[in-house]
């Protein structure tokens, strides 16, 4: 059985949601997912049996000068560096660590998706949107690195391949 194509939103749709959200912590979380490709667990942490398996994002992980975020012990216990969204400034960084829970973030984006876009989206849809947005602009192996995928075929889902276009391109390669 094939993999389900992830739900994603466009930049314009994201901007509508971002503008509608007034809470600074939610806005920061949405930006980190949409413009840095961060997982919810990499933002608020993942706690198992009383200790953090994935630590929450803190100020120490942000390098404002370099414009980067260091993700420590992300999924698969891997570290990676992602771009700091341009709209994240020192004021936003001072909101870290985020005090919102996973469920709160999920419910908020789901509610805004329905209300603003009339779409059923999830917090992870913002991360998928990051990958999809990059797919036409950045080489696949670089997207793989930014998203923290161990397998290139996982990253390939963001290409949204059009079968007719693929056939036309293949035919054109053998003129």
N, C-alpha and C. Protein backbone atom coordinates (compact mmCIF):
# COMPACT_ATOMS: atom_id res chain seq x y z
N UNK A 1 0.84 -1.19 0.00
CA UNK A 1 0.00 0.00 0.00
C UNK A 1 0.89 1.25 0.00
N UNK A 2 0.54 2.23 -0.81
CA UNK A 2 1.33 3.45 -0.93
C UNK A 2 1.16 4.38 0.27
N UNK A 3 2.08 5.29 0.36
CA UNK A 3 2.06 6.27 1.44
C UNK A 3 1.03 7.35 1.15
N UNK A 4 0.34 7.79 2.20
CA UNK A 4 -0.67 8.84 2.05
C UNK A 4 0.04 10.18 1.78
N UNK A 5 -0.49 10.93 0.82
CA UNK A 5 0.08 12.24 0.52
C UNK A 5 -0.29 13.19 1.64
N UNK A 6 0.72 13.85 2.24
CA UNK A 6 0.43 14.74 3.37
C UNK A 6 -0.34 16.00 2.97
N UNK A 7 -1.11 16.52 3.92
CA UNK A 7 -1.84 17.76 3.73
C UNK A 7 -0.87 18.92 3.86
N UNK A 8 -0.97 19.88 2.96
CA UNK A 8 -0.13 21.07 3.06
C UNK A 8 -0.94 22.30 2.69
N UNK A 9 -0.41 23.46 3.07
CA UNK A 9 -1.06 24.73 2.73
C UNK A 9 -0.05 25.61 2.01
N UNK A 10 -0.56 26.57 1.27
CA UNK A 10 0.31 27.49 0.53
C UNK A 10 0.79 28.61 1.45
N UNK A 11 1.74 29.37 0.96
CA UNK A 11 2.25 30.54 1.69
C UNK A 11 1.11 31.51 1.97
N UNK A 12 0.25 31.74 0.97
CA UNK A 12 -0.87 32.67 1.13
C UNK A 12 -1.84 32.19 2.21
N UNK A 13 -2.10 30.89 2.21
CA UNK A 13 -3.00 30.33 3.24
C UNK A 13 -2.38 30.45 4.62
N UNK A 14 -1.06 30.20 4.70
CA UNK A 14 -0.38 30.34 5.99
C UNK A 14 -0.49 31.77 6.50
N UNK A 15 -0.30 32.74 5.62
CA UNK A 15 -0.35 34.15 6.02
C UNK A 15 -1.72 34.51 6.59
N UNK A 16 -2.78 33.95 6.03
CA UNK A 16 -4.13 34.20 6.55
C UNK A 16 -4.27 33.66 7.97
N UNK A 17 -3.76 32.47 8.20
CA UNK A 17 -3.82 31.87 9.54
C UNK A 17 -2.95 32.66 10.51
N UNK A 18 -1.75 33.01 10.05
CA UNK A 18 -0.80 33.74 10.89
C UNK A 18 -1.36 35.09 11.32
N UNK A 19 -1.99 35.79 10.40
CA UNK A 19 -2.59 37.09 10.71
C UNK A 19 -3.79 36.96 11.64
N UNK A 20 -4.53 35.89 11.51
CA UNK A 20 -5.72 35.69 12.35
C UNK A 20 -5.34 35.35 13.79
N UNK A 21 -4.18 34.73 13.97
CA UNK A 21 -3.75 34.35 15.32
C UNK A 21 -3.11 35.54 16.02
N UNK A 22 -3.62 35.88 17.19
CA UNK A 22 -3.10 37.04 17.92
C UNK A 22 -2.14 36.65 19.05
N UNK A 23 -2.21 35.42 19.53
CA UNK A 23 -1.37 34.96 20.63
C UNK A 23 0.08 34.78 20.14
N UNK A 24 1.04 35.42 20.80
CA UNK A 24 2.44 35.41 20.37
C UNK A 24 3.07 34.03 20.40
N UNK A 25 2.73 33.22 21.41
CA UNK A 25 3.31 31.89 21.49
C UNK A 25 2.82 30.99 20.35
N UNK A 26 1.53 31.04 20.07
CA UNK A 26 1.00 30.25 18.96
C UNK A 26 1.63 30.71 17.65
N UNK A 27 1.72 32.03 17.46
CA UNK A 27 2.30 32.56 16.22
C UNK A 27 3.74 32.07 16.04
N UNK A 28 4.51 32.09 17.12
CA UNK A 28 5.90 31.63 17.05
C UNK A 28 5.94 30.15 16.68
N UNK A 29 5.12 29.35 17.30
CA UNK A 29 5.09 27.91 16.99
C UNK A 29 4.71 27.66 15.54
N UNK A 30 3.71 28.39 15.05
CA UNK A 30 3.29 28.23 13.65
C UNK A 30 4.44 28.58 12.70
N UNK A 31 5.16 29.67 13.00
CA UNK A 31 6.30 30.08 12.17
C UNK A 31 7.39 29.02 12.17
N UNK A 32 7.70 28.48 13.35
CA UNK A 32 8.76 27.48 13.45
C UNK A 32 8.43 26.22 12.65
N UNK A 33 7.17 25.85 12.62
CA UNK A 33 6.77 24.67 11.85
C UNK A 33 6.74 24.97 10.35
N UNK A 34 6.17 26.12 9.97
CA UNK A 34 5.97 26.44 8.56
C UNK A 34 7.25 26.92 7.87
N UNK A 35 8.07 27.72 8.55
CA UNK A 35 9.25 28.31 7.91
C UNK A 35 10.57 27.69 8.34
N UNK A 36 10.54 26.75 9.30
CA UNK A 36 11.77 26.05 9.69
C UNK A 36 11.58 24.54 9.61
N UNK A 37 10.36 24.10 9.37
CA UNK A 37 10.09 22.67 9.22
C UNK A 37 10.21 21.87 10.51
N UNK A 38 10.01 22.54 11.64
CA UNK A 38 10.16 21.85 12.92
C UNK A 38 8.92 21.02 13.27
N UNK A 39 9.18 19.88 13.90
CA UNK A 39 8.10 19.03 14.41
C UNK A 39 7.59 19.64 15.72
N UNK A 40 6.36 19.32 16.06
CA UNK A 40 5.77 19.82 17.30
C UNK A 40 6.63 19.41 18.51
N UNK A 41 7.14 18.18 18.49
CA UNK A 41 7.96 17.69 19.60
C UNK A 41 9.29 18.42 19.69
N UNK A 42 9.77 18.96 18.58
CA UNK A 42 11.03 19.72 18.60
C UNK A 42 10.82 21.13 19.12
N UNK A 43 9.58 21.59 19.14
CA UNK A 43 9.26 22.92 19.65
C UNK A 43 8.94 22.87 21.14
N UNK A 44 8.01 21.99 21.52
CA UNK A 44 7.57 21.94 22.93
C UNK A 44 8.19 20.79 23.71
N UNK A 45 8.92 19.92 23.03
CA UNK A 45 9.55 18.78 23.68
C UNK A 45 8.63 17.57 23.67
N UNK A 46 9.22 16.42 23.96
CA UNK A 46 8.48 15.18 24.07
C UNK A 46 8.90 14.50 25.36
N UNK A 47 7.96 14.44 26.29
CA UNK A 47 8.25 13.90 27.61
C UNK A 47 7.71 12.47 27.72
N UNK A 48 8.56 11.56 28.15
CA UNK A 48 8.16 10.17 28.37
C UNK A 48 8.62 9.73 29.76
N UNK A 49 7.70 9.19 30.51
CA UNK A 49 8.00 8.66 31.86
C UNK A 49 8.74 9.68 32.73
N UNK A 50 8.28 10.94 32.66
CA UNK A 50 8.82 11.94 33.56
C UNK A 50 10.11 12.62 33.13
N UNK A 51 10.68 12.26 31.99
CA UNK A 51 11.86 12.98 31.51
C UNK A 51 11.71 13.24 30.01
N UNK A 52 12.45 14.23 29.53
CA UNK A 52 12.32 14.63 28.13
C UNK A 52 13.14 13.72 27.22
N UNK A 53 12.45 13.05 26.32
CA UNK A 53 13.11 12.26 25.28
C UNK A 53 13.63 13.24 24.22
N UNK A 54 12.80 14.25 23.91
CA UNK A 54 13.21 15.34 23.02
C UNK A 54 13.05 16.62 23.85
N UNK A 55 14.14 17.36 24.06
CA UNK A 55 14.04 18.57 24.89
C UNK A 55 13.28 19.68 24.16
N UNK A 56 12.57 20.52 24.93
CA UNK A 56 11.89 21.66 24.30
C UNK A 56 12.91 22.66 23.75
N UNK A 57 12.49 23.42 22.75
CA UNK A 57 13.33 24.45 22.16
C UNK A 57 13.55 25.56 23.19
N UNK A 58 14.81 25.97 23.37
CA UNK A 58 15.14 27.05 24.29
C UNK A 58 15.96 28.11 23.55
N UNK A 59 16.18 29.23 24.23
CA UNK A 59 16.96 30.33 23.66
C UNK A 59 18.36 29.87 23.27
N UNK A 60 18.91 28.91 24.03
CA UNK A 60 20.27 28.41 23.77
C UNK A 60 20.41 27.76 22.40
N UNK A 61 19.28 27.33 21.82
CA UNK A 61 19.32 26.66 20.52
C UNK A 61 19.27 27.63 19.34
N UNK A 62 19.05 28.90 19.64
CA UNK A 62 18.89 29.91 18.59
C UNK A 62 20.17 30.71 18.41
N UNK A 63 20.60 30.85 17.15
CA UNK A 63 21.73 31.70 16.83
C UNK A 63 21.21 32.81 15.93
N UNK A 64 20.87 33.94 16.55
CA UNK A 64 20.30 35.07 15.80
C UNK A 64 21.26 35.58 14.73
N UNK A 65 22.53 35.64 15.07
CA UNK A 65 23.53 36.17 14.13
C UNK A 65 23.64 35.30 12.88
N UNK A 66 23.69 33.98 13.07
CA UNK A 66 23.80 33.06 11.94
C UNK A 66 22.45 32.78 11.29
N UNK A 67 21.36 33.09 12.01
CA UNK A 67 20.03 32.83 11.48
C UNK A 67 19.69 31.35 11.45
N UNK A 68 20.10 30.64 12.52
CA UNK A 68 19.89 29.19 12.56
C UNK A 68 19.29 28.74 13.90
N UNK A 69 18.72 27.54 13.85
CA UNK A 69 18.19 26.88 15.05
C UNK A 69 18.85 25.51 15.12
N UNK A 70 19.42 25.19 16.26
CA UNK A 70 19.98 23.86 16.49
C UNK A 70 18.91 23.01 17.15
N UNK A 71 18.53 21.94 16.50
CA UNK A 71 17.56 21.01 17.08
C UNK A 71 18.34 19.87 17.69
N UNK A 72 18.23 19.76 19.01
CA UNK A 72 18.97 18.73 19.76
C UNK A 72 18.10 17.50 19.94
N UNK A 73 18.65 16.36 19.61
CA UNK A 73 17.99 15.07 19.84
C UNK A 73 16.58 15.03 19.28
N UNK A 74 16.43 15.42 18.03
CA UNK A 74 15.12 15.36 17.37
C UNK A 74 14.71 13.92 17.14
N UNK A 75 13.75 13.70 16.28
CA UNK A 75 13.26 12.35 15.99
C UNK A 75 14.44 11.47 15.58
N UNK A 76 14.48 10.27 16.12
CA UNK A 76 15.60 9.37 15.83
C UNK A 76 16.85 9.76 16.60
N UNK A 77 16.69 10.63 17.60
CA UNK A 77 17.81 11.11 18.44
C UNK A 77 18.90 11.80 17.61
N UNK A 78 18.48 12.47 16.52
CA UNK A 78 19.44 13.14 15.66
C UNK A 78 19.40 14.65 15.87
N UNK A 79 20.56 15.27 15.83
CA UNK A 79 20.67 16.73 15.85
C UNK A 79 20.64 17.23 14.41
N UNK A 80 20.12 18.44 14.22
CA UNK A 80 20.18 19.07 12.91
C UNK A 80 20.07 20.58 13.07
N UNK A 81 20.42 21.28 12.02
CA UNK A 81 20.32 22.73 12.01
C UNK A 81 19.32 23.12 10.94
N UNK A 82 18.42 24.04 11.30
CA UNK A 82 17.41 24.53 10.37
C UNK A 82 17.47 26.06 10.33
N UNK A 83 16.90 26.66 9.29
CA UNK A 83 16.92 28.13 9.20
C UNK A 83 15.98 28.76 10.23
N UNK A 84 16.43 29.85 10.81
CA UNK A 84 15.59 30.64 11.70
C UNK A 84 14.68 31.50 10.82
N UNK A 85 13.36 31.39 10.97
CA UNK A 85 12.48 32.23 10.15
C UNK A 85 12.83 33.71 10.31
N UNK A 86 12.79 34.44 9.21
CA UNK A 86 13.18 35.86 9.22
C UNK A 86 12.35 36.69 10.19
N UNK A 87 11.11 36.28 10.43
CA UNK A 87 10.24 37.05 11.33
C UNK A 87 10.48 36.75 12.80
N UNK A 88 11.37 35.83 13.10
CA UNK A 88 11.66 35.52 14.51
C UNK A 88 12.79 36.44 14.97
N UNK A 89 12.45 37.33 15.90
CA UNK A 89 13.41 38.29 16.43
C UNK A 89 13.69 37.99 17.91
N UNK A 90 14.46 38.84 18.56
CA UNK A 90 14.83 38.62 19.96
C UNK A 90 13.60 38.58 20.86
N UNK A 91 12.61 39.40 20.59
CA UNK A 91 11.38 39.39 21.38
C UNK A 91 10.71 38.02 21.31
N UNK A 92 10.65 37.45 20.11
CA UNK A 92 10.05 36.12 19.94
C UNK A 92 10.90 35.05 20.62
N UNK A 93 12.22 35.15 20.49
CA UNK A 93 13.12 34.18 21.12
C UNK A 93 12.94 34.18 22.64
N UNK A 94 12.65 35.35 23.19
CA UNK A 94 12.46 35.45 24.64
C UNK A 94 11.19 34.75 25.13
N UNK A 95 10.33 34.32 24.21
CA UNK A 95 9.13 33.55 24.59
C UNK A 95 9.49 32.08 24.90
N UNK A 96 10.69 31.68 24.50
CA UNK A 96 11.11 30.29 24.70
C UNK A 96 11.56 30.03 26.13
N UNK A 97 11.33 28.84 26.66
CA UNK A 97 10.60 27.73 26.04
C UNK A 97 9.09 27.98 26.03
N UNK A 98 8.42 27.41 25.05
CA UNK A 98 6.97 27.57 24.88
C UNK A 98 6.24 26.86 26.01
N UNK A 99 5.24 27.52 26.54
CA UNK A 99 4.49 26.94 27.66
C UNK A 99 3.21 26.22 27.21
N UNK A 100 2.93 26.24 25.94
CA UNK A 100 1.74 25.56 25.41
C UNK A 100 2.03 24.07 25.24
N UNK A 101 0.98 23.29 25.38
CA UNK A 101 1.13 21.85 25.20
C UNK A 101 0.85 21.44 23.77
N UNK A 102 1.21 20.20 23.46
CA UNK A 102 0.99 19.65 22.12
C UNK A 102 -0.48 19.72 21.72
N UNK A 103 -1.35 19.28 22.62
CA UNK A 103 -2.78 19.25 22.31
C UNK A 103 -3.33 20.64 22.03
N UNK A 104 -2.86 21.61 22.81
CA UNK A 104 -3.29 23.00 22.63
C UNK A 104 -2.91 23.51 21.24
N UNK A 105 -1.69 23.21 20.80
CA UNK A 105 -1.23 23.63 19.48
C UNK A 105 -2.03 22.94 18.37
N UNK A 106 -2.27 21.65 18.55
CA UNK A 106 -3.04 20.89 17.57
C UNK A 106 -4.46 21.45 17.43
N UNK A 107 -5.10 21.68 18.56
CA UNK A 107 -6.48 22.18 18.54
C UNK A 107 -6.56 23.57 17.93
N UNK A 108 -5.57 24.41 18.22
CA UNK A 108 -5.58 25.79 17.72
C UNK A 108 -5.44 25.84 16.20
N UNK A 109 -4.49 25.07 15.65
CA UNK A 109 -4.30 25.13 14.19
C UNK A 109 -5.47 24.46 13.48
N UNK A 110 -6.03 23.42 14.07
CA UNK A 110 -7.19 22.75 13.48
C UNK A 110 -8.38 23.71 13.41
N UNK A 111 -8.60 24.45 14.50
CA UNK A 111 -9.70 25.41 14.57
C UNK A 111 -9.50 26.53 13.53
N UNK A 112 -8.29 27.07 13.45
CA UNK A 112 -8.02 28.14 12.48
C UNK A 112 -8.11 27.64 11.05
N UNK A 113 -7.65 26.43 10.80
CA UNK A 113 -7.73 25.86 9.46
C UNK A 113 -9.17 25.77 8.98
N UNK A 114 -10.04 25.31 9.87
CA UNK A 114 -11.47 25.21 9.53
C UNK A 114 -12.08 26.59 9.34
N UNK A 115 -11.83 27.48 10.29
CA UNK A 115 -12.45 28.80 10.30
C UNK A 115 -11.95 29.70 9.15
N UNK A 116 -10.65 29.74 8.93
CA UNK A 116 -10.05 30.67 7.97
C UNK A 116 -9.99 30.09 6.56
N UNK A 117 -9.60 28.80 6.46
CA UNK A 117 -9.37 28.20 5.15
C UNK A 117 -10.43 27.19 4.72
N UNK A 118 -11.30 26.83 5.67
CA UNK A 118 -12.27 25.76 5.44
C UNK A 118 -11.56 24.47 5.03
N UNK A 119 -10.43 24.19 5.71
CA UNK A 119 -9.62 22.99 5.46
C UNK A 119 -9.37 22.26 6.77
N UNK A 120 -9.23 20.95 6.66
CA UNK A 120 -8.88 20.13 7.81
C UNK A 120 -7.36 19.99 7.83
N UNK A 121 -6.70 20.81 8.64
CA UNK A 121 -5.24 20.74 8.74
C UNK A 121 -4.84 20.41 10.17
N UNK A 122 -3.61 19.95 10.30
CA UNK A 122 -3.03 19.59 11.58
C UNK A 122 -1.74 20.38 11.75
N UNK A 123 -1.20 20.35 12.95
CA UNK A 123 0.05 21.07 13.18
C UNK A 123 1.14 20.55 12.23
N UNK A 124 1.17 19.23 12.03
CA UNK A 124 2.19 18.64 11.16
C UNK A 124 2.01 19.09 9.70
N UNK A 125 0.80 19.56 9.34
CA UNK A 125 0.58 20.08 7.99
C UNK A 125 1.49 21.28 7.72
N UNK A 126 1.82 22.03 8.77
CA UNK A 126 2.71 23.19 8.60
C UNK A 126 4.11 22.71 8.21
N UNK A 127 4.58 21.64 8.84
CA UNK A 127 5.88 21.06 8.50
C UNK A 127 5.86 20.52 7.07
N UNK A 128 4.79 19.84 6.70
CA UNK A 128 4.66 19.34 5.33
C UNK A 128 4.68 20.50 4.34
N UNK A 129 4.08 21.59 4.72
CA UNK A 129 4.05 22.77 3.85
C UNK A 129 5.45 23.32 3.64
N UNK A 130 6.29 23.28 4.67
CA UNK A 130 7.69 23.69 4.57
C UNK A 130 8.39 22.86 3.49
N UNK A 131 8.25 21.55 3.58
CA UNK A 131 8.88 20.66 2.61
C UNK A 131 8.35 20.88 1.21
N UNK A 132 7.04 21.04 1.09
CA UNK A 132 6.42 21.26 -0.22
C UNK A 132 6.87 22.58 -0.84
N UNK A 133 6.95 23.61 -0.01
CA UNK A 133 7.36 24.93 -0.49
C UNK A 133 8.81 24.89 -1.00
N UNK A 134 9.66 24.15 -0.31
CA UNK A 134 11.06 24.07 -0.72
C UNK A 134 11.27 23.22 -1.98
N UNK A 135 10.36 22.27 -2.23
CA UNK A 135 10.57 21.28 -3.28
C UNK A 135 10.85 21.87 -4.66
N UNK A 136 10.30 23.03 -4.97
CA UNK A 136 10.54 23.62 -6.29
C UNK A 136 11.75 24.56 -6.29
N UNK A 137 12.38 24.76 -5.13
CA UNK A 137 13.44 25.76 -5.04
C UNK A 137 14.78 25.22 -4.53
N UNK A 138 14.75 24.07 -3.84
CA UNK A 138 15.93 23.56 -3.15
C UNK A 138 16.17 22.11 -3.56
N UNK A 139 17.42 21.70 -3.79
CA UNK A 139 17.69 20.30 -4.13
C UNK A 139 17.16 19.34 -3.06
N UNK A 140 16.68 18.19 -3.52
CA UNK A 140 16.04 17.22 -2.64
C UNK A 140 16.92 16.78 -1.47
N UNK A 141 18.21 16.57 -1.73
CA UNK A 141 19.09 16.13 -0.62
C UNK A 141 19.24 17.21 0.46
N UNK A 142 19.12 18.48 0.07
CA UNK A 142 19.18 19.56 1.06
C UNK A 142 17.89 19.62 1.88
N UNK A 143 16.74 19.36 1.21
CA UNK A 143 15.47 19.30 1.94
C UNK A 143 15.51 18.15 2.94
N UNK A 144 16.07 17.02 2.50
CA UNK A 144 16.21 15.85 3.38
C UNK A 144 16.98 16.23 4.64
N UNK A 145 18.08 16.94 4.48
CA UNK A 145 18.91 17.35 5.61
C UNK A 145 18.14 18.31 6.53
N UNK A 146 17.47 19.30 5.95
CA UNK A 146 16.73 20.28 6.74
C UNK A 146 15.58 19.65 7.53
N UNK A 147 14.95 18.65 6.93
CA UNK A 147 13.79 18.02 7.57
C UNK A 147 14.19 16.90 8.52
N UNK A 148 15.45 16.48 8.45
CA UNK A 148 15.92 15.43 9.35
C UNK A 148 15.45 14.04 8.97
N UNK A 149 15.25 13.82 7.68
CA UNK A 149 14.85 12.50 7.20
C UNK A 149 16.08 11.62 7.01
N UNK A 150 15.99 10.38 7.42
CA UNK A 150 17.11 9.46 7.21
C UNK A 150 17.06 8.86 5.81
N UNK A 151 15.87 8.84 5.20
CA UNK A 151 15.70 8.24 3.87
C UNK A 151 15.22 9.27 2.86
N UNK A 152 15.83 9.25 1.69
CA UNK A 152 15.49 10.19 0.63
C UNK A 152 14.07 9.97 0.11
N UNK A 153 13.59 8.73 0.12
CA UNK A 153 12.23 8.47 -0.38
C UNK A 153 11.18 9.12 0.52
N UNK A 154 11.50 9.29 1.80
CA UNK A 154 10.59 10.00 2.70
C UNK A 154 10.47 11.45 2.26
N UNK A 155 11.58 12.05 1.91
CA UNK A 155 11.59 13.44 1.46
C UNK A 155 10.89 13.60 0.11
N UNK A 156 10.95 12.56 -0.71
CA UNK A 156 10.38 12.60 -2.05
C UNK A 156 8.89 12.87 -2.09
N UNK A 157 8.18 12.64 -0.97
CA UNK A 157 6.72 12.88 -0.96
C UNK A 157 6.39 14.35 -1.16
N UNK A 158 7.36 15.23 -0.98
CA UNK A 158 7.10 16.66 -1.12
C UNK A 158 7.19 17.15 -2.55
N UNK A 159 7.55 16.26 -3.46
CA UNK A 159 7.70 16.67 -4.86
C UNK A 159 6.38 16.81 -5.59
N UNK A 160 5.32 16.18 -5.07
CA UNK A 160 3.99 16.27 -5.70
C UNK A 160 4.07 16.04 -7.20
N UNK A 161 4.68 14.93 -7.58
CA UNK A 161 4.90 14.63 -8.98
C UNK A 161 3.60 14.51 -9.77
N UNK A 162 3.63 15.06 -10.94
CA UNK A 162 2.52 14.99 -11.87
C UNK A 162 2.88 13.92 -12.91
N UNK A 163 2.14 12.79 -12.95
CA UNK A 163 2.49 11.71 -13.87
C UNK A 163 2.57 12.13 -15.34
N UNK A 164 1.63 12.97 -15.80
CA UNK A 164 1.65 13.41 -17.20
C UNK A 164 2.91 14.24 -17.47
N UNK A 165 3.24 15.12 -16.54
CA UNK A 165 4.44 15.95 -16.70
C UNK A 165 5.69 15.08 -16.72
N UNK A 166 5.74 14.04 -15.87
CA UNK A 166 6.89 13.14 -15.82
C UNK A 166 7.05 12.42 -17.15
N UNK A 167 5.95 11.96 -17.73
CA UNK A 167 6.00 11.26 -19.03
C UNK A 167 6.47 12.21 -20.12
N UNK A 168 5.91 13.42 -20.15
CA UNK A 168 6.31 14.41 -21.15
C UNK A 168 7.80 14.74 -21.03
N UNK A 169 8.28 14.92 -19.81
CA UNK A 169 9.68 15.24 -19.59
C UNK A 169 10.58 14.08 -20.02
N UNK A 170 10.15 12.85 -19.72
CA UNK A 170 10.94 11.67 -20.11
C UNK A 170 11.02 11.56 -21.62
N UNK A 171 9.92 11.80 -22.30
CA UNK A 171 9.92 11.75 -23.78
C UNK A 171 10.83 12.83 -24.34
N UNK A 172 10.78 14.02 -23.74
CA UNK A 172 11.60 15.14 -24.21
C UNK A 172 13.09 14.92 -23.99
N UNK A 173 13.46 14.03 -23.09
CA UNK A 173 14.86 13.78 -22.80
C UNK A 173 15.54 12.99 -23.92
N UNK A 174 14.75 12.37 -24.80
CA UNK A 174 15.30 11.52 -25.86
C UNK A 174 14.99 12.05 -27.26
N UNK A 175 15.24 13.33 -27.48
CA UNK A 175 14.96 13.94 -28.80
C UNK A 175 15.88 13.44 -29.86
